[in-house]
N, C-alpha and C. Protein backbone atom coordinates (compact mmCIF):
# COMPACT_ATOMS: atom_id res chain seq x y z
N UNK A 1 24.78 -6.22 10.43
CA UNK A 1 23.34 -6.33 10.99
C UNK A 1 22.54 -7.04 9.94
N UNK A 2 21.85 -7.86 10.25
CA UNK A 2 20.97 -8.75 9.35
C UNK A 2 19.74 -9.31 10.03
N UNK A 3 18.75 -9.54 9.17
CA UNK A 3 17.55 -10.22 9.58
C UNK A 3 17.25 -11.12 8.63
N UNK A 4 16.73 -12.49 9.08
CA UNK A 4 16.45 -13.59 8.33
C UNK A 4 14.95 -13.98 8.72
N UNK A 5 14.04 -12.88 9.05
CA UNK A 5 12.72 -13.32 9.64
C UNK A 5 11.74 -13.53 8.39
N UNK A 6 12.14 -14.43 7.34
CA UNK A 6 11.37 -14.68 6.09
C UNK A 6 10.59 -15.92 6.30
N UNK A 7 9.25 -15.62 6.61
CA UNK A 7 8.30 -16.56 7.12
C UNK A 7 7.51 -17.23 5.87
N UNK A 8 7.57 -16.73 4.66
CA UNK A 8 6.79 -17.20 3.67
C UNK A 8 7.91 -17.70 2.40
N UNK A 9 9.05 -17.24 2.30
CA UNK A 9 10.00 -17.79 1.34
C UNK A 9 11.14 -18.44 1.90
N UNK A 10 11.93 -19.33 1.19
CA UNK A 10 13.24 -19.78 1.65
C UNK A 10 14.24 -18.84 1.36
N UNK A 11 15.11 -18.86 2.19
CA UNK A 11 16.26 -17.90 1.71
C UNK A 11 15.89 -16.52 2.07
N UNK A 12 16.46 -15.60 1.26
CA UNK A 12 15.94 -14.30 1.62
C UNK A 12 16.71 -13.50 2.91
N UNK A 13 15.97 -12.36 3.25
CA UNK A 13 16.52 -11.53 4.53
C UNK A 13 17.27 -10.34 3.75
N UNK A 14 17.64 -9.44 4.76
CA UNK A 14 18.39 -8.06 4.40
C UNK A 14 19.58 -7.87 5.45
N UNK A 15 20.64 -7.10 4.72
CA UNK A 15 21.80 -7.26 5.80
C UNK A 15 22.30 -5.80 5.47
N UNK A 16 23.07 -5.11 6.32
CA UNK A 16 23.78 -4.09 6.34
C UNK A 16 25.27 -4.41 6.78
N UNK A 17 26.22 -4.25 5.89
CA UNK A 17 27.43 -4.36 6.34
C UNK A 17 28.10 -2.94 6.70
N UNK A 18 28.87 -2.84 7.71
CA UNK A 18 29.30 -1.59 7.94
C UNK A 18 30.61 -1.79 8.80
N UNK A 19 31.40 -0.68 8.71
CA UNK A 19 32.70 -0.83 9.40
C UNK A 19 32.57 -0.72 10.83
N UNK A 20 33.33 -1.51 11.71
CA UNK A 20 33.10 -1.61 13.13
C UNK A 20 33.30 -0.39 13.64
N UNK A 21 33.98 0.56 13.38
CA UNK A 21 34.11 1.86 13.84
C UNK A 21 33.00 2.64 13.88
N UNK A 22 32.32 2.48 12.98
CA UNK A 22 30.81 3.34 12.98
C UNK A 22 29.89 2.84 14.14
N UNK A 23 29.10 3.98 14.62
CA UNK A 23 28.32 3.53 15.62
C UNK A 23 26.99 3.32 14.92
N UNK A 24 26.42 1.99 14.64
CA UNK A 24 25.14 1.69 14.11
C UNK A 24 24.39 1.00 15.32
N UNK A 25 23.10 1.60 15.42
CA UNK A 25 22.36 1.02 16.53
C UNK A 25 20.94 0.50 15.83
N UNK A 26 20.73 -0.80 16.20
CA UNK A 26 19.47 -1.42 15.75
C UNK A 26 18.30 -0.54 16.60
N UNK A 27 17.34 -0.51 15.73
CA UNK A 27 15.92 0.07 16.45
C UNK A 27 15.06 -1.00 16.20
N UNK A 28 14.63 -1.15 17.59
CA UNK A 28 13.46 -2.40 17.74
C UNK A 28 12.26 -1.71 17.07
N UNK A 29 11.37 -2.72 16.36
CA UNK A 29 10.27 -2.27 15.90
C UNK A 29 9.13 -3.08 16.54
N UNK A 30 8.06 -2.30 17.04
CA UNK A 30 6.94 -2.89 17.62
C UNK A 30 6.20 -3.87 16.75
N UNK A 31 5.59 -5.06 17.48
CA UNK A 31 5.01 -6.10 16.56
C UNK A 31 4.18 -5.80 15.69
N UNK A 32 3.23 -4.73 15.87
CA UNK A 32 2.34 -4.33 14.94
C UNK A 32 2.88 -3.69 13.69
N UNK A 33 4.11 -3.30 13.71
CA UNK A 33 4.87 -2.65 12.57
C UNK A 33 5.76 -3.48 11.97
N UNK A 34 6.25 -4.49 12.66
CA UNK A 34 7.20 -5.65 12.23
C UNK A 34 6.93 -6.13 10.87
N UNK A 35 7.94 -6.19 10.16
CA UNK A 35 7.79 -6.89 8.75
C UNK A 35 8.93 -7.89 8.38
N UNK A 36 8.76 -8.82 7.69
CA UNK A 36 9.89 -9.70 7.49
C UNK A 36 10.72 -9.03 6.62
N UNK A 37 11.93 -9.45 6.50
CA UNK A 37 12.97 -8.84 5.68
C UNK A 37 13.10 -7.12 5.83
N UNK A 38 13.08 -6.74 7.03
CA UNK A 38 13.29 -5.33 7.37
C UNK A 38 13.92 -4.92 8.31
N UNK A 39 15.09 -3.85 8.19
CA UNK A 39 15.73 -3.53 9.24
C UNK A 39 15.65 -2.06 9.34
N UNK A 40 15.69 -1.34 10.90
CA UNK A 40 15.63 0.00 11.22
C UNK A 40 16.87 0.09 11.90
N UNK A 41 17.43 0.82 11.67
CA UNK A 41 18.88 1.18 12.44
C UNK A 41 19.17 2.82 12.37
N UNK A 42 19.91 3.17 13.43
CA UNK A 42 20.45 4.72 13.23
C UNK A 42 21.86 4.56 13.28
N UNK A 43 22.37 5.42 12.33
CA UNK A 43 24.03 5.63 12.23
C UNK A 43 24.25 6.99 12.73
N UNK A 44 25.05 7.02 13.73
CA UNK A 44 25.67 8.46 14.19
C UNK A 44 26.72 8.85 13.92
N UNK A 45 27.12 9.84 13.13
CA UNK A 45 28.47 10.50 12.76
C UNK A 45 28.33 11.84 13.35
N UNK A 46 28.46 12.91 12.70
CA UNK A 46 28.31 14.35 13.22
C UNK A 46 26.72 14.64 13.53
N UNK A 47 26.14 13.81 12.50
CA UNK A 47 24.69 14.02 12.79
C UNK A 47 24.07 12.43 12.72
N UNK A 48 22.79 12.17 13.22
CA UNK A 48 22.30 10.89 13.05
C UNK A 48 21.29 10.59 11.95
N UNK A 49 21.60 9.61 11.39
CA UNK A 49 20.66 9.17 10.24
C UNK A 49 19.84 8.10 10.67
N UNK A 50 18.56 7.83 10.07
CA UNK A 50 17.68 6.80 10.49
C UNK A 50 17.63 5.90 9.02
N UNK A 51 17.98 4.78 9.03
CA UNK A 51 17.92 3.85 7.80
C UNK A 51 16.80 2.90 8.06
N UNK A 52 16.01 2.74 7.03
CA UNK A 52 15.16 1.78 6.93
C UNK A 52 15.17 0.84 5.56
N UNK A 53 15.94 -0.40 5.89
CA UNK A 53 16.17 -1.40 4.61
C UNK A 53 14.88 -2.22 4.83
N UNK A 54 14.45 -2.54 3.41
CA UNK A 54 13.38 -3.56 3.18
C UNK A 54 13.52 -4.09 2.02
N UNK A 55 13.24 -5.43 2.03
CA UNK A 55 12.88 -6.32 0.82
C UNK A 55 11.49 -6.72 0.82
N UNK A 56 10.96 -6.26 -0.41
CA UNK A 56 9.52 -6.53 -0.69
C UNK A 56 9.48 -7.81 -1.74
N UNK A 57 9.11 -8.95 -1.42
CA UNK A 57 9.08 -9.96 -2.49
C UNK A 57 8.00 -9.48 -3.53
N UNK A 58 8.01 -9.91 -4.81
CA UNK A 58 7.09 -9.58 -5.66
C UNK A 58 5.65 -10.05 -5.62
N UNK A 59 5.62 -11.24 -4.77
CA UNK A 59 4.28 -11.78 -4.55
C UNK A 59 3.60 -11.24 -3.15
N UNK A 60 4.06 -10.34 -2.32
CA UNK A 60 3.53 -9.65 -1.16
C UNK A 60 2.32 -9.01 -1.61
N UNK A 61 1.23 -9.14 -0.81
CA UNK A 61 0.01 -8.45 -1.13
C UNK A 61 -0.03 -7.07 -0.51
N UNK A 62 -1.60 -6.61 -0.77
CA UNK A 62 -1.88 -5.10 -0.33
C UNK A 62 -1.68 -4.92 1.27
N UNK A 63 -1.83 -5.89 2.03
CA UNK A 63 -1.47 -5.92 3.41
C UNK A 63 -0.09 -5.48 3.86
N UNK A 64 0.79 -6.21 3.07
CA UNK A 64 2.26 -6.05 3.25
C UNK A 64 2.49 -4.36 2.98
N UNK A 65 2.10 -4.15 1.82
CA UNK A 65 2.37 -2.42 1.45
C UNK A 65 1.61 -1.71 2.53
N UNK A 66 0.44 -2.00 2.87
CA UNK A 66 -0.17 -0.95 3.92
C UNK A 66 0.59 -0.91 5.31
N UNK A 67 1.15 -2.34 5.72
CA UNK A 67 2.03 -2.14 6.92
C UNK A 67 3.43 -1.42 6.74
N UNK A 68 3.69 -1.52 5.59
CA UNK A 68 4.92 -0.79 5.11
C UNK A 68 4.87 0.67 5.17
N UNK A 69 3.73 0.99 4.64
CA UNK A 69 3.38 2.33 4.81
C UNK A 69 3.17 2.88 6.20
N UNK A 70 2.63 2.10 6.98
CA UNK A 70 2.61 2.44 8.57
C UNK A 70 4.01 2.59 9.10
N UNK A 71 4.94 1.66 8.75
CA UNK A 71 6.08 1.58 9.39
C UNK A 71 6.88 2.74 8.77
N UNK A 72 6.74 3.35 7.32
CA UNK A 72 7.51 4.34 7.01
C UNK A 72 6.91 5.80 7.77
N UNK A 73 5.71 5.80 8.22
CA UNK A 73 5.23 6.88 8.95
C UNK A 73 6.01 6.95 10.04
N UNK A 74 5.69 5.81 11.02
CA UNK A 74 6.66 5.47 12.32
C UNK A 74 8.05 5.92 12.04
N UNK A 75 8.63 5.47 11.09
CA UNK A 75 10.19 5.75 10.86
C UNK A 75 10.58 7.06 10.62
N UNK A 76 9.72 7.97 10.05
CA UNK A 76 10.09 9.21 9.62
C UNK A 76 9.59 9.92 10.77
N UNK A 77 9.15 9.59 11.62
CA UNK A 77 8.61 10.54 12.94
C UNK A 77 9.74 11.20 13.69
N UNK A 78 10.70 10.46 13.58
CA UNK A 78 12.03 10.76 14.45
C UNK A 78 12.65 12.14 13.91
N UNK A 79 13.44 12.79 14.74
CA UNK A 79 13.93 13.96 14.35
C UNK A 79 15.29 14.12 13.37
N UNK A 80 15.80 12.86 13.08
CA UNK A 80 16.80 12.45 12.10
C UNK A 80 16.66 12.51 10.73
N UNK A 81 17.77 12.67 9.90
CA UNK A 81 17.57 12.60 8.59
C UNK A 81 17.33 11.06 8.36
N UNK A 82 16.26 10.73 7.38
CA UNK A 82 15.61 9.67 7.10
C UNK A 82 16.02 9.08 5.70
N UNK A 83 16.66 7.76 5.79
CA UNK A 83 17.09 7.28 4.49
C UNK A 83 16.32 5.85 4.29
N UNK A 84 15.43 5.65 3.13
CA UNK A 84 15.06 4.52 2.83
C UNK A 84 15.50 3.69 1.77
N UNK A 85 15.86 2.50 1.87
CA UNK A 85 16.53 1.58 1.10
C UNK A 85 15.85 0.30 0.90
N UNK A 86 16.21 -0.26 -0.33
CA UNK A 86 15.55 -1.70 -0.43
C UNK A 86 15.24 -1.94 -2.16
N UNK A 87 14.74 -3.18 -1.97
CA UNK A 87 14.28 -3.97 -3.37
C UNK A 87 12.79 -4.10 -3.23
N UNK A 88 11.98 -3.21 -3.77
CA UNK A 88 10.56 -3.19 -3.77
C UNK A 88 9.59 -4.07 -4.77
N UNK A 89 10.43 -4.50 -5.68
CA UNK A 89 9.72 -5.32 -6.73
C UNK A 89 8.50 -4.48 -7.43
N UNK A 90 8.38 -3.25 -7.63
CA UNK A 90 7.24 -2.37 -7.98
C UNK A 90 7.64 -1.79 -9.35
N UNK A 91 7.34 -2.53 -10.49
CA UNK A 91 7.92 -2.16 -11.77
C UNK A 91 7.23 -1.19 -12.16
N UNK A 92 5.89 -1.01 -11.80
CA UNK A 92 4.82 -0.11 -12.29
C UNK A 92 5.04 1.32 -11.83
N UNK A 93 6.14 1.49 -11.25
CA UNK A 93 6.63 2.92 -10.85
C UNK A 93 7.47 3.57 -11.50
N UNK A 94 7.46 4.74 -11.91
CA UNK A 94 8.68 5.15 -12.60
C UNK A 94 8.96 6.46 -11.95
N UNK A 95 10.22 6.26 -11.23
CA UNK A 95 10.65 7.45 -10.07
C UNK A 95 11.24 8.41 -10.92
N UNK A 96 11.80 8.20 -12.24
CA UNK A 96 12.67 9.03 -12.99
C UNK A 96 11.53 10.27 -13.47
N UNK A 97 10.25 9.71 -14.08
CA UNK A 97 9.07 10.77 -14.35
C UNK A 97 8.12 10.85 -13.40
N UNK A 98 8.34 10.33 -12.08
CA UNK A 98 7.48 10.43 -10.95
C UNK A 98 5.93 10.15 -11.24
N UNK A 99 5.93 8.95 -11.89
CA UNK A 99 4.59 8.28 -12.41
C UNK A 99 4.21 7.02 -11.84
N UNK A 100 3.02 6.63 -11.74
CA UNK A 100 2.80 5.44 -11.07
C UNK A 100 1.36 4.94 -11.63
N UNK A 101 1.27 3.64 -11.94
CA UNK A 101 -0.41 3.24 -12.25
C UNK A 101 -1.25 3.06 -11.18
N UNK A 102 -2.30 3.16 -11.38
CA UNK A 102 -3.61 3.09 -10.36
C UNK A 102 -3.48 1.78 -9.75
N UNK A 103 -2.68 0.60 -10.20
CA UNK A 103 -2.94 -0.54 -9.52
C UNK A 103 -2.91 -0.43 -7.79
N UNK A 104 -3.51 -1.12 -7.17
CA UNK A 104 -3.62 -0.71 -5.83
C UNK A 104 -2.28 -0.85 -4.87
N UNK A 105 -1.61 -1.84 -5.24
CA UNK A 105 -0.02 -2.33 -4.48
C UNK A 105 0.59 -1.04 -4.89
N UNK A 106 1.03 -0.85 -6.19
CA UNK A 106 1.71 0.19 -6.52
C UNK A 106 1.58 1.54 -6.24
N UNK A 107 0.21 2.18 -6.35
CA UNK A 107 -0.23 3.22 -5.87
C UNK A 107 -0.19 3.39 -4.58
N UNK A 108 -0.37 2.48 -3.57
CA UNK A 108 -0.20 2.67 -2.16
C UNK A 108 1.13 2.78 -1.78
N UNK A 109 2.05 2.10 -2.26
CA UNK A 109 3.41 2.28 -1.98
C UNK A 109 3.94 3.87 -2.37
N UNK A 110 3.75 4.09 -3.66
CA UNK A 110 4.00 5.43 -4.26
C UNK A 110 3.56 6.42 -3.33
N UNK A 111 2.23 6.40 -3.04
CA UNK A 111 1.82 7.67 -2.23
C UNK A 111 2.31 7.77 -0.74
N UNK A 112 2.78 6.39 -0.19
CA UNK A 112 3.44 6.41 1.00
C UNK A 112 4.71 7.13 1.21
N UNK A 113 5.39 7.06 0.01
CA UNK A 113 6.94 7.61 -0.10
C UNK A 113 6.66 9.01 -0.70
């Protein structure tokens, strides 16, 4: 499963590689929540997991982070276990110490998760 909806940069995209015997279902995102380089899918085992995979380029602005925050709210509204994966390029967030700068892009993302 992959996406290459990168409108700003050449190259890019995200992918999930999985064994064919696993049941992985792509979840369609409404246009107002859609972001380039983002996949939402559900993996059904004994229980169902919803996965959100996202690549955030370093030069994406606050509008992108606000939209990602809305997408997170939507994705976590399902009754399944939620897993959020990606490369966010937000070096001023220290997840180990649970700290973040007040810079708007970093703070908005940090507060969303």
